[in-house]
Amino acid sequence: MKNFVEELKWRGMLHQSMPGVEEHLSEAMRSAYVGFDPTADSLHIGNLVPIMLLAHYQRCGHKPVALVGGATGMIGDPSGKSSERNLLDEKTLRHNQESIKKQLSHFLDFESSDANAAVLVNNYDWMKEFSFLEFIRDVGKHITVNYMMAKDSVKSRISGESANDGMSFTEFTYQLVQGYDFLHLYKENDCTIQMGGSDQWGNITTGTELIRRIGDGKGFAITCPLITKSDGSKFGKSEGGNVWLDAKRTSPYKFYQYWLNSSDEDAEKYIKIFTFLDENEINAIVNDHNEAPHLR
C-alpha cells in the first residue's frame, strides 16, 4: 500500500495529524471517515478537498467511509460560523442526502468487490432512536463542560465579535454528537480515523476522547488545511456565491471559468490537490509552465 500520510504531505494536503497515525496505517488496511453537511442538495468545490482526501485514501489501499450528517445537519456545526444557521426538516435532509450520495459516487468506488470498497452511512440512522436522557447519561457524562468550552469553535462564538448573539445549547452539543459518530463507527465499522478540514480538529478530538473513555480504544485524527486563494480570498467562492458540483446550480461554463481564472500560483497548488497525477508528472507540468508562462 502507498503511504497515505506521505501522499498528503507532498500534495500540501496535511495540516495536522495525531502521533502514531502513520504507523497505524502501515500495519493493515484501515477505515477512515469524513462527514459531509447535507444542508444543500449539492456539494460545492469547497467540499472537493475532503472528497479528495477519501479518494486518495482509497487509492492507497484503505477503506473510505463517507458520513452524511442527517442528524448533525439538524443541529448545525458552529465551527467557523459566526451565527446559528437555519435548521432543516427531515424530509429536506433525506432529499439532500440522496443527491450527495450520487455526487460522491463519481469520486469513490462504492461498487468494488475489494475489501476497501467505499461505504456511505447516515448518522441519523443511529441517532434517531437515542433519547435525550440516554444521550446525556451514556455520552455526556464522559466529557466535561471545561473540555467543551476550551474548543476554538466554542470560544470564538462566546468571546468573539458575535459574543452578543451567544451560542445555543443545540450548537454547543454539536461536538458531542459528532464525537459519538466517531465512537459508533469505531465500534460498528472498525473505523479508527476521522479526517476533515483544520477547523474540525476540536470536534474530531472529542471523538477520539470518547473512544478512549468509553470504547477503551485508540482513535486518530487527520486534518487538511483550509484552502485560500493567493489574494487571500476564500477558495470555492465566486461573485455569485458558492461554486456547486451540480450543473443545475453552477453551469459547466461557470465551473470551468472558475478554474481557468485561477492565478498561476494557485494553479500550481490546485493541480496537486485536485488531480491524481503523480509527483513526477506534476513537476514536469509546472517546469514546462515556468519555462514558457506566456503559453498558459
C-alpha atoms as a PDB file:
ATOM      1  CA  MET A   1       0.000   0.000   0.000  1.00  0.00           C
ATOM      2  CA  LYS A   2       1.116   3.553  -0.713  1.00  0.00           C
ATOM      3  CA  ASN A   3       1.977   5.726   2.268  1.00  0.00           C
ATOM      4  CA  PHE A   4      -1.129   7.891   2.655  1.00  0.00           C
ATOM      5  CA  VAL A   5       0.442  10.439   5.008  1.00  0.00           C
ATOM      6  CA  GLU A   6       3.409  10.981   2.692  1.00  0.00           C
ATOM      7  CA  GLU A   7       0.982  11.355  -0.218  1.00  0.00           C
ATOM      8  CA  LEU A   8      -0.826  14.126   1.655  1.00  0.00           C
ATOM      9  CA  LYS A   9       2.416  15.852   2.625  1.00  0.00           C
ATOM     10  CA  TRP A  10       3.806  16.344  -0.873  1.00  0.00           C
ATOM     11  CA  ARG A  11       0.389  17.399  -2.143  1.00  0.00           C
ATOM     12  CA  GLY A  12       0.107  20.074   0.554  1.00  0.00           C
ATOM     13  CA  MET A  13      -2.979  18.377   1.974  1.00  0.00           C
ATOM     14  CA  LEU A  14      -1.785  17.652   5.514  1.00  0.00           C
ATOM     15  CA  HIS A  15      -2.387  20.226   8.233  1.00  0.00           C
ATOM     16  CA  GLN A  16      -2.250  18.159  11.409  1.00  0.00           C
ATOM     17  CA  SER A  17      -2.281  14.517  12.450  1.00  0.00           C
ATOM     18  CA  MET A  18      -2.154  12.627  15.706  1.00  0.00           C
ATOM     19  CA  PRO A  19       1.103  10.896  16.647  1.00  0.00           C
ATOM     20  CA  GLY A  20       1.188   7.261  15.599  1.00  0.00           C
ATOM     21  CA  VAL A  21      -1.276   7.505  12.710  1.00  0.00           C
ATOM     22  CA  GLU A  22       1.348   6.757  10.052  1.00  0.00           C
ATOM     23  CA  GLU A  23       2.423   3.578  11.852  1.00  0.00           C
ATOM     24  CA  HIS A  24      -1.235   2.657  12.371  1.00  0.00           C
ATOM     25  CA  LEU A  25      -1.867   2.890   8.626  1.00  0.00           C
ATOM     26  CA  SER A  26       1.231   0.862   7.768  1.00  0.00           C
ATOM     27  CA  GLU A  27       0.090  -2.131   9.815  1.00  0.00           C
ATOM     28  CA  ALA A  28      -3.102  -3.053   7.917  1.00  0.00           C
ATOM     29  CA  MET A  29      -5.974  -1.719   5.837  1.00  0.00           C
ATOM     30  CA  ARG A  30      -7.790   0.870   7.963  1.00  0.00           C
ATOM     31  CA  SER A  31     -11.179   2.544   7.747  1.00  0.00           C
ATOM     32  CA  ALA A  32     -11.390   6.338   7.928  1.00  0.00           C
ATOM     33  CA  TYR A  33     -14.354   8.638   7.593  1.00  0.00           C
ATOM     34  CA  VAL A  34     -15.206  12.172   6.576  1.00  0.00           C
ATOM     35  CA  GLY A  35     -18.506  13.864   7.350  1.00  0.00           C
ATOM     36  CA  PHE A  36     -20.484  15.871   4.798  1.00  0.00           C
ATOM     37  CA  ASP A  37     -23.050  18.520   5.652  1.00  0.00           C
ATOM     38  CA  PRO A  38     -26.418  17.832   3.969  1.00  0.00           C
ATOM     39  CA  THR A  39     -27.833  21.362   4.282  1.00  0.00           C
ATOM     40  CA  ALA A  40     -27.976  21.669   0.466  1.00  0.00           C
ATOM     41  CA  ASP A  41     -28.829  19.170  -2.270  1.00  0.00           C
ATOM     42  CA  SER A  42     -25.370  19.554  -3.788  1.00  0.00           C
ATOM     43  CA  LEU A  43     -21.811  19.665  -2.585  1.00  0.00           C
ATOM     44  CA  HIS A  44     -19.636  22.583  -3.717  1.00  0.00           C
ATOM     45  CA  ILE A  45     -15.983  22.798  -4.691  1.00  0.00           C
ATOM     46  CA  GLY A  46     -15.064  23.609  -1.099  1.00  0.00           C
ATOM     47  CA  ASN A  47     -16.083  20.001  -0.386  1.00  0.00           C
ATOM     48  CA  LEU A  48     -13.669  18.722  -3.015  1.00  0.00           C
ATOM     49  CA  VAL A  49     -10.760  18.767  -0.569  1.00  0.00           C
ATOM     50  CA  PRO A  50     -12.308  16.251   1.884  1.00  0.00           C
ATOM     51  CA  ILE A  51     -13.634  14.267  -1.088  1.00  0.00           C
ATOM     52  CA  MET A  52     -10.094  14.059  -2.460  1.00  0.00           C
ATOM     53  CA  LEU A  53      -8.873  13.001   0.992  1.00  0.00           C
ATOM     54  CA  LEU A  54     -11.172   9.984   0.801  1.00  0.00           C
ATOM     55  CA  ALA A  55     -10.331   9.308  -2.851  1.00  0.00           C
ATOM     56  CA  HIS A  56      -6.578   9.302  -2.172  1.00  0.00           C
ATOM     57  CA  TYR A  57      -7.216   7.193   0.921  1.00  0.00           C
ATOM     58  CA  GLN A  58      -8.966   4.532  -1.161  1.00  0.00           C
ATOM     59  CA  ARG A  59      -6.247   4.642  -3.826  1.00  0.00           C
ATOM     60  CA  CYS A  60      -3.694   3.980  -1.078  1.00  0.00           C
ATOM     61  CA  GLY A  61      -5.483   0.707  -0.312  1.00  0.00           C
ATOM     62  CA  HIS A  62      -7.570   1.779   2.673  1.00  0.00           C
ATOM     63  CA  LYS A  63     -11.334   1.848   3.193  1.00  0.00           C
ATOM     64  CA  PRO A  64     -13.125   5.222   2.971  1.00  0.00           C
ATOM     65  CA  VAL A  65     -16.356   5.871   4.836  1.00  0.00           C
ATOM     66  CA  ALA A  66     -18.461   8.869   3.795  1.00  0.00           C
ATOM     67  CA  LEU A  67     -20.814  10.023   6.520  1.00  0.00           C
ATOM     68  CA  VAL A  68     -23.795  12.122   5.517  1.00  0.00           C
ATOM     69  CA  GLY A  69     -24.795  14.062   8.614  1.00  0.00           C
ATOM     70  CA  GLY A  70     -28.544  13.588   8.691  1.00  0.00           C
ATOM     71  CA  ALA A  71     -28.580  14.032  12.477  1.00  0.00           C
ATOM     72  CA  THR A  72     -25.826  16.618  12.859  1.00  0.00           C
ATOM     73  CA  GLY A  73     -27.324  18.540   9.940  1.00  0.00           C
ATOM     74  CA  MET A  74     -30.378  19.096  12.114  1.00  0.00           C
ATOM     75  CA  ILE A  75     -28.168  20.810  14.705  1.00  0.00           C
ATOM     76  CA  GLY A  76     -25.618  22.868  12.808  1.00  0.00           C
ATOM     77  CA  ASP A  77     -21.851  22.852  13.249  1.00  0.00           C
ATOM     78  CA  PRO A  78     -20.598  26.070  14.925  1.00  0.00           C
ATOM     79  CA  SER A  79     -17.047  25.606  13.585  1.00  0.00           C
ATOM     80  CA  GLY A  80     -16.113  28.656  11.553  1.00  0.00           C
ATOM     81  CA  LYS A  81     -19.608  30.117  11.898  1.00  0.00           C
ATOM     82  CA  SER A  82     -20.412  33.493  13.405  1.00  0.00           C
ATOM     83  CA  SER A  83     -24.127  32.852  13.864  1.00  0.00           C
ATOM     84  CA  GLU A  84     -26.546  29.973  14.170  1.00  0.00           C
ATOM     85  CA  ARG A  85     -27.913  28.700  10.888  1.00  0.00           C
ATOM     86  CA  ASN A  86     -31.425  27.641   9.993  1.00  0.00           C
ATOM     87  CA  LEU A  87     -32.245  24.020  10.765  1.00  0.00           C
ATOM     88  CA  LEU A  88     -33.732  21.714   8.135  1.00  0.00           C
ATOM     89  CA  ASP A  89     -36.615  19.284   8.434  1.00  0.00           C
ATOM     90  CA  GLU A  90     -36.124  15.548   7.952  1.00  0.00           C
ATOM     91  CA  LYS A  91     -37.767  15.394   4.509  1.00  0.00           C
ATOM     92  CA  THR A  92     -35.427  18.050   3.106  1.00  0.00           C
ATOM     93  CA  LEU A  93     -32.397  16.398   4.680  1.00  0.00           C
ATOM     94  CA  ARG A  94     -33.289  12.998   3.192  1.00  0.00           C
ATOM     95  CA  HIS A  95     -33.572  14.539  -0.278  1.00  0.00           C
ATOM     96  CA  ASN A  96     -30.217  16.278   0.137  1.00  0.00           C
ATOM     97  CA  GLN A  97     -28.548  13.081   1.329  1.00  0.00           C
ATOM     98  CA  GLU A  98     -29.634  11.141  -1.752  1.00  0.00           C
ATOM     99  CA  SER A  99     -28.336  13.903  -4.018  1.00  0.00           C
ATOM    100  CA  ILE A 100     -24.983  13.991  -2.219  1.00  0.00           C
ATOM    101  CA  LYS A 101     -24.630  10.214  -2.455  1.00  0.00           C
ATOM    102  CA  LYS A 102     -24.920  10.410  -6.247  1.00  0.00           C
ATOM    103  CA  GLN A 103     -22.195  13.053  -6.380  1.00  0.00           C
ATOM    104  CA  LEU A 104     -19.817  11.125  -4.130  1.00  0.00           C
ATOM    105  CA  SER A 105     -20.157   8.044  -6.332  1.00  0.00           C
ATOM    106  CA  HIS A 106     -18.269   9.923  -9.076  1.00  0.00           C
ATOM    107  CA  PHE A 107     -15.184  10.045  -6.841  1.00  0.00           C
ATOM    108  CA  LEU A 108     -15.381   6.939  -4.657  1.00  0.00           C
ATOM    109  CA  ASP A 109     -15.830   3.302  -5.646  1.00  0.00           C
ATOM    110  CA  PHE A 110     -18.829   2.013  -3.705  1.00  0.00           C
ATOM    111  CA  GLU A 111     -19.397  -0.968  -6.010  1.00  0.00           C
ATOM    112  CA  SER A 112     -15.982  -2.646  -5.796  1.00  0.00           C
ATOM    113  CA  SER A 113     -15.780  -6.253  -4.625  1.00  0.00           C
ATOM    114  CA  ASP A 114     -12.482  -5.424  -2.917  1.00  0.00           C
ATOM    115  CA  ALA A 115     -12.242  -5.139   0.852  1.00  0.00           C
ATOM    116  CA  ASN A 116     -11.611  -1.394   0.617  1.00  0.00           C
ATOM    117  CA  ALA A 117     -14.861  -0.569  -1.193  1.00  0.00           C
ATOM    118  CA  ALA A 118     -16.245   2.768  -0.048  1.00  0.00           C
ATOM    119  CA  VAL A 119     -19.174   2.840   2.374  1.00  0.00           C
ATOM    120  CA  LEU A 120     -21.795   5.543   2.866  1.00  0.00           C
ATOM    121  CA  VAL A 121     -23.514   5.928   6.231  1.00  0.00           C
ATOM    122  CA  ASN A 122     -26.034   8.344   7.700  1.00  0.00           C
ATOM    123  CA  ASN A 123     -25.709   9.276  11.362  1.00  0.00           C
ATOM    124  CA  TYR A 124     -29.461   9.820  11.590  1.00  0.00           C
ATOM    125  CA  ASP A 125     -29.836   6.027  11.398  1.00  0.00           C
ATOM    126  CA  TRP A 126     -28.199   5.519  14.796  1.00  0.00           C
ATOM    127  CA  MET A 127     -29.137   8.821  16.425  1.00  0.00           C
ATOM    128  CA  LYS A 128     -32.891   8.807  15.723  1.00  0.00           C
ATOM    129  CA  GLU A 129     -33.698   6.295  18.487  1.00  0.00           C
ATOM    130  CA  PHE A 130     -31.363   7.913  21.026  1.00  0.00           C
ATOM    131  CA  SER A 131     -33.404   9.674  23.720  1.00  0.00           C
ATOM    132  CA  PHE A 132     -32.089  12.852  25.303  1.00  0.00           C
ATOM    133  CA  LEU A 133     -31.826  11.191  28.717  1.00  0.00           C
ATOM    134  CA  GLU A 134     -29.931   8.225  27.285  1.00  0.00           C
ATOM    135  CA  PHE A 135     -27.511  10.502  25.476  1.00  0.00           C
ATOM    136  CA  ILE A 136     -26.609  12.661  28.470  1.00  0.00           C
ATOM    137  CA  ARG A 137     -26.308   9.542  30.641  1.00  0.00           C
ATOM    138  CA  ASP A 138     -24.274   7.370  28.270  1.00  0.00           C
ATOM    139  CA  VAL A 139     -22.251  10.007  26.412  1.00  0.00           C
ATOM    140  CA  GLY A 140     -22.479  13.424  28.053  1.00  0.00           C
ATOM    141  CA  LYS A 141     -21.115  12.340  31.417  1.00  0.00           C
ATOM    142  CA  HIS A 142     -17.779  11.381  29.849  1.00  0.00           C
ATOM    143  CA  ILE A 143     -16.925  14.884  28.563  1.00  0.00           C
ATOM    144  CA  THR A 144     -16.666  17.869  30.911  1.00  0.00           C
ATOM    145  CA  VAL A 145     -18.027  21.335  30.180  1.00  0.00           C
ATOM    146  CA  ASN A 146     -14.484  22.661  30.720  1.00  0.00           C
ATOM    147  CA  TYR A 147     -13.256  20.399  27.906  1.00  0.00           C
ATOM    148  CA  MET A 148     -16.023  21.566  25.568  1.00  0.00           C
ATOM    149  CA  MET A 149     -15.539  25.248  26.410  1.00  0.00           C
ATOM    150  CA  ALA A 150     -11.852  25.036  25.508  1.00  0.00           C
ATOM    151  CA  LYS A 151     -12.638  24.292  21.851  1.00  0.00           C
ATOM    152  CA  ASP A 152     -11.874  27.168  19.472  1.00  0.00           C
ATOM    153  CA  SER A 153     -15.267  26.821  17.760  1.00  0.00           C
ATOM    154  CA  VAL A 154     -16.964  27.479  21.106  1.00  0.00           C
ATOM    155  CA  LYS A 155     -14.621  30.203  22.361  1.00  0.00           C
ATOM    156  CA  SER A 156     -14.917  32.209  19.144  1.00  0.00           C
ATOM    157  CA  ARG A 157     -18.702  32.246  19.409  1.00  0.00           C
ATOM    158  CA  ILE A 158     -18.759  33.206  23.079  1.00  0.00           C
ATOM    159  CA  SER A 159     -15.966  35.774  23.193  1.00  0.00           C
ATOM    160  CA  GLY A 160     -15.623  36.844  19.554  1.00  0.00           C
ATOM    161  CA  GLU A 161     -17.386  39.500  17.513  1.00  0.00           C
ATOM    162  CA  SER A 162     -20.636  37.551  17.726  1.00  0.00           C
ATOM    163  CA  ALA A 163     -20.473  37.194  21.524  1.00  0.00           C
ATOM    164  CA  ASN A 164     -23.650  39.242  21.903  1.00  0.00           C
ATOM    165  CA  ASP A 165     -25.535  36.637  19.882  1.00  0.00           C
ATOM    166  CA  GLY A 166     -24.240  33.880  22.126  1.00  0.00           C
ATOM    167  CA  MET A 167     -24.456  30.203  21.310  1.00  0.00           C
ATOM    168  CA  SER A 168     -27.453  27.954  21.751  1.00  0.00           C
ATOM    169  CA  PHE A 169     -27.309  24.727  23.729  1.00  0.00           C
ATOM    170  CA  THR A 170     -28.143  22.966  20.458  1.00  0.00           C
ATOM    171  CA  GLU A 171     -24.939  24.103  18.769  1.00  0.00           C
ATOM    172  CA  PHE A 172     -22.912  23.720  21.954  1.00  0.00           C
ATOM    173  CA  THR A 173     -23.693  19.994  21.990  1.00  0.00           C
ATOM    174  CA  TYR A 174     -22.708  19.526  18.336  1.00  0.00           C
ATOM    175  CA  GLN A 175     -19.219  18.311  19.206  1.00  0.00           C
ATOM    176  CA  LEU A 176     -20.695  15.609  21.455  1.00  0.00           C
ATOM    177  CA  VAL A 177     -22.924  14.315  18.667  1.00  0.00           C
ATOM    178  CA  GLN A 178     -20.071  14.320  16.142  1.00  0.00           C
ATOM    179  CA  GLY A 179     -17.825  12.735  18.739  1.00  0.00           C
ATOM    180  CA  TYR A 180     -20.380   9.987  19.260  1.00  0.00           C
ATOM    181  CA  ASP A 181     -20.436   9.366  15.493  1.00  0.00           C
ATOM    182  CA  PHE A 182     -16.736   8.513  15.679  1.00  0.00           C
ATOM    183  CA  LEU A 183     -17.322   6.223  18.660  1.00  0.00           C
ATOM    184  CA  HIS A 184     -20.216   4.478  16.875  1.00  0.00           C
ATOM    185  CA  LEU A 185     -18.197   3.929  13.690  1.00  0.00           C
ATOM    186  CA  TYR A 186     -15.258   2.727  15.778  1.00  0.00           C
ATOM    187  CA  LYS A 187     -17.461   0.084  17.403  1.00  0.00           C
ATOM    188  CA  GLU A 188     -19.610  -0.915  14.422  1.00  0.00           C
ATOM    189  CA  ASN A 189     -17.318  -0.353  11.409  1.00  0.00           C
ATOM    190  CA  ASP A 190     -13.856  -0.713  12.969  1.00  0.00           C
ATOM    191  CA  CYS A 191     -13.253   2.884  11.856  1.00  0.00           C
ATOM    192  CA  THR A 192     -10.184   4.246  13.631  1.00  0.00           C
ATOM    193  CA  ILE A 193      -9.535   7.532  11.800  1.00  0.00           C
ATOM    194  CA  GLN A 194     -11.583  10.656  11.210  1.00  0.00           C
ATOM    195  CA  MET A 195     -10.468  13.229   8.657  1.00  0.00           C
ATOM    196  CA  GLY A 196     -11.641  16.741   7.878  1.00  0.00           C
ATOM    197  CA  GLY A 197     -10.683  20.382   7.491  1.00  0.00           C
ATOM    198  CA  SER A 198      -8.421  22.026  10.046  1.00  0.00           C
ATOM    199  CA  ASP A 199     -11.445  23.756  11.603  1.00  0.00           C
ATOM    200  CA  GLN A 200     -12.754  20.293  12.547  1.00  0.00           C
ATOM    201  CA  TRP A 201      -9.832  19.367  14.811  1.00  0.00           C
ATOM    202  CA  GLY A 202     -11.753  20.156  18.006  1.00  0.00           C
ATOM    203  CA  ASN A 203     -14.786  18.091  17.013  1.00  0.00           C
ATOM    204  CA  ILE A 204     -12.633  15.185  15.839  1.00  0.00           C
ATOM    205  CA  THR A 205     -10.579  15.053  19.030  1.00  0.00           C
ATOM    206  CA  THR A 206     -13.785  14.960  21.076  1.00  0.00           C
ATOM    207  CA  GLY A 207     -14.457  11.711  19.226  1.00  0.00           C
ATOM    208  CA  THR A 208     -11.005  10.309  19.980  1.00  0.00           C
ATOM    209  CA  GLU A 209     -11.575  11.190  23.633  1.00  0.00           C
ATOM    210  CA  LEU A 210     -14.887   9.290  23.687  1.00  0.00           C
ATOM    211  CA  ILE A 211     -13.204   6.294  22.048  1.00  0.00           C
ATOM    212  CA  ARG A 212     -10.566   6.365  24.770  1.00  0.00           C
ATOM    213  CA  ARG A 213     -13.006   6.799  27.657  1.00  0.00           C
ATOM    214  CA  ILE A 214     -15.952   4.661  26.519  1.00  0.00           C
ATOM    215  CA  GLY A 215     -14.540   2.374  23.843  1.00  0.00           C
ATOM    216  CA  ASP A 216     -11.272   1.744  25.694  1.00  0.00           C
ATOM    217  CA  GLY A 217      -9.518   2.132  22.361  1.00  0.00           C
ATOM    218  CA  LYS A 218      -7.467   4.477  20.211  1.00  0.00           C
ATOM    219  CA  GLY A 219      -8.775   6.789  17.528  1.00  0.00           C
ATOM    220  CA  PHE A 220      -6.770   9.075  15.256  1.00  0.00           C
ATOM    221  CA  ALA A 221      -7.319  12.461  13.627  1.00  0.00           C
ATOM    222  CA  ILE A 222      -6.034  13.818  10.312  1.00  0.00           C
ATOM    223  CA  THR A 223      -6.883  17.301   9.064  1.00  0.00           C
ATOM    224  CA  CYS A 224      -6.176  19.141   5.840  1.00  0.00           C
ATOM    225  CA  PRO A 225      -5.555  22.898   5.557  1.00  0.00           C
ATOM    226  CA  LEU A 226      -8.389  25.233   4.660  1.00  0.00           C
ATOM    227  CA  ILE A 227      -7.676  26.344   1.108  1.00  0.00           C
ATOM    228  CA  THR A 228      -7.361  30.052   0.381  1.00  0.00           C
ATOM    229  CA  LYS A 229      -6.525  31.783  -2.872  1.00  0.00           C
ATOM    230  CA  SER A 230      -3.301  33.726  -3.370  1.00  0.00           C
ATOM    231  CA  ASP A 231      -5.167  37.017  -2.923  1.00  0.00           C
ATOM    232  CA  GLY A 232      -6.372  35.866   0.495  1.00  0.00           C
ATOM    233  CA  SER A 233      -9.987  35.290  -0.532  1.00  0.00           C
ATOM    234  CA  LYS A 234     -11.840  32.102   0.302  1.00  0.00           C
ATOM    235  CA  PHE A 235     -11.480  29.166  -2.068  1.00  0.00           C
ATOM    236  CA  GLY A 236     -14.732  27.931  -3.577  1.00  0.00           C
ATOM    237  CA  LYS A 237     -16.485  31.286  -3.706  1.00  0.00           C
ATOM    238  CA  SER A 238     -17.204  33.416  -6.749  1.00  0.00           C
ATOM    239  CA  GLU A 239     -19.016  36.711  -7.164  1.00  0.00           C
ATOM    240  CA  GLY A 240     -22.197  34.684  -7.449  1.00  0.00           C
ATOM    241  CA  GLY A 241     -21.577  32.712  -4.239  1.00  0.00           C
ATOM    242  CA  ASN A 242     -20.734  29.007  -3.968  1.00  0.00           C
ATOM    243  CA  VAL A 243     -19.418  27.111  -6.980  1.00  0.00           C
ATOM    244  CA  TRP A 244     -21.532  23.957  -6.896  1.00  0.00           C
ATOM    245  CA  LEU A 245     -20.803  20.484  -8.251  1.00  0.00           C
ATOM    246  CA  ASP A 246     -24.365  20.244  -9.569  1.00  0.00           C
ATOM    247  CA  ALA A 247     -24.603  21.595 -13.125  1.00  0.00           C
ATOM    248  CA  LYS A 248     -28.121  22.840 -12.373  1.00  0.00           C
ATOM    249  CA  ARG A 249     -26.747  25.149  -9.687  1.00  0.00           C
ATOM    250  CA  THR A 250     -23.483  26.156 -11.395  1.00  0.00           C
ATOM    251  CA  SER A 251     -23.300  25.809 -15.165  1.00  0.00           C
ATOM    252  CA  PRO A 252     -20.393  23.825 -16.659  1.00  0.00           C
ATOM    253  CA  TYR A 253     -19.210  27.066 -18.291  1.00  0.00           C
ATOM    254  CA  LYS A 254     -19.056  28.950 -14.977  1.00  0.00           C
ATOM    255  CA  PHE A 255     -17.457  25.942 -13.308  1.00  0.00           C
ATOM    256  CA  TYR A 256     -14.755  25.838 -15.987  1.00  0.00           C
ATOM    257  CA  GLN A 257     -14.227  29.594 -15.817  1.00  0.00           C
ATOM    258  CA  TYR A 258     -13.656  29.459 -12.073  1.00  0.00           C
ATOM    259  CA  TRP A 259     -10.676  27.161 -12.548  1.00  0.00           C
ATOM    260  CA  LEU A 260      -9.439  28.899 -15.705  1.00  0.00           C
ATOM    261  CA  ASN A 261      -9.311  32.245 -13.904  1.00  0.00           C
ATOM    262  CA  SER A 262      -7.063  30.884 -11.148  1.00  0.00           C
ATOM    263  CA  SER A 263      -3.710  32.598 -10.774  1.00  0.00           C
ATOM    264  CA  ASP A 264      -0.568  30.696 -11.783  1.00  0.00           C
ATOM    265  CA  GLU A 265       0.374  30.440  -8.111  1.00  0.00           C
ATOM    266  CA  ASP A 266      -2.980  28.913  -7.215  1.00  0.00           C
ATOM    267  CA  ALA A 267      -2.955  26.605 -10.245  1.00  0.00           C
ATOM    268  CA  GLU A 268       0.319  25.054  -9.068  1.00  0.00           C
ATOM    269  CA  LYS A 269      -1.291  24.364  -5.693  1.00  0.00           C
ATOM    270  CA  TYR A 270      -4.581  23.115  -7.140  1.00  0.00           C
ATOM    271  CA  ILE A 271      -3.000  20.604  -9.520  1.00  0.00           C
ATOM    272  CA  LYS A 272      -1.512  18.807  -6.516  1.00  0.00           C
ATOM    273  CA  ILE A 273      -4.732  18.795  -4.509  1.00  0.00           C
ATOM    274  CA  PHE A 274      -7.408  18.218  -7.125  1.00  0.00           C
ATOM    275  CA  THR A 275      -5.814  15.714  -9.517  1.00  0.00           C
ATOM    276  CA  PHE A 276      -4.490  12.173  -9.270  1.00  0.00           C
ATOM    277  CA  LEU A 277      -1.350  12.971 -11.274  1.00  0.00           C
ATOM    278  CA  ASP A 278       1.787  11.713  -9.553  1.00  0.00           C
ATOM    279  CA  GLU A 279       4.602  13.920  -8.286  1.00  0.00           C
ATOM    280  CA  ASN A 280       6.822  13.477 -11.346  1.00  0.00           C
ATOM    281  CA  GLU A 281       4.000  14.335 -13.751  1.00  0.00           C
ATOM    282  CA  ILE A 282       3.074  17.447 -11.797  1.00  0.00           C
ATOM    283  CA  ASN A 283       6.680  18.621 -11.523  1.00  0.00           C
ATOM    284  CA  ALA A 284       7.062  18.233 -15.290  1.00  0.00           C
ATOM    285  CA  ILE A 285       3.914  20.278 -15.962  1.00  0.00           C
ATOM    286  CA  VAL A 286       4.993  23.016 -13.541  1.00  0.00           C
ATOM    287  CA  ASN A 287       8.501  23.159 -15.030  1.00  0.00           C
ATOM    288  CA  ASP A 288       7.119  23.401 -18.571  1.00  0.00           C
ATOM    289  CA  HIS A 289       4.861  26.242 -17.491  1.00  0.00           C
ATOM    290  CA  ASN A 290       7.648  28.120 -15.705  1.00  0.00           C
ATOM    291  CA  GLU A 291       9.783  27.956 -18.837  1.00  0.00           C
ATOM    292  CA  ALA A 292       7.031  29.442 -21.002  1.00  0.00           C
ATOM    293  CA  PRO A 293       4.316  31.008 -18.808  1.00  0.00           C
ATOM    294  CA  HIS A 294       3.001  33.053 -21.739  1.00  0.00           C
ATOM    295  CA  LEU A 295       1.692  29.828 -23.307  1.00  0.00           C
ATOM    296  CA  ARG A 296      -0.738  29.271 -20.431  1.00  0.00           C
END
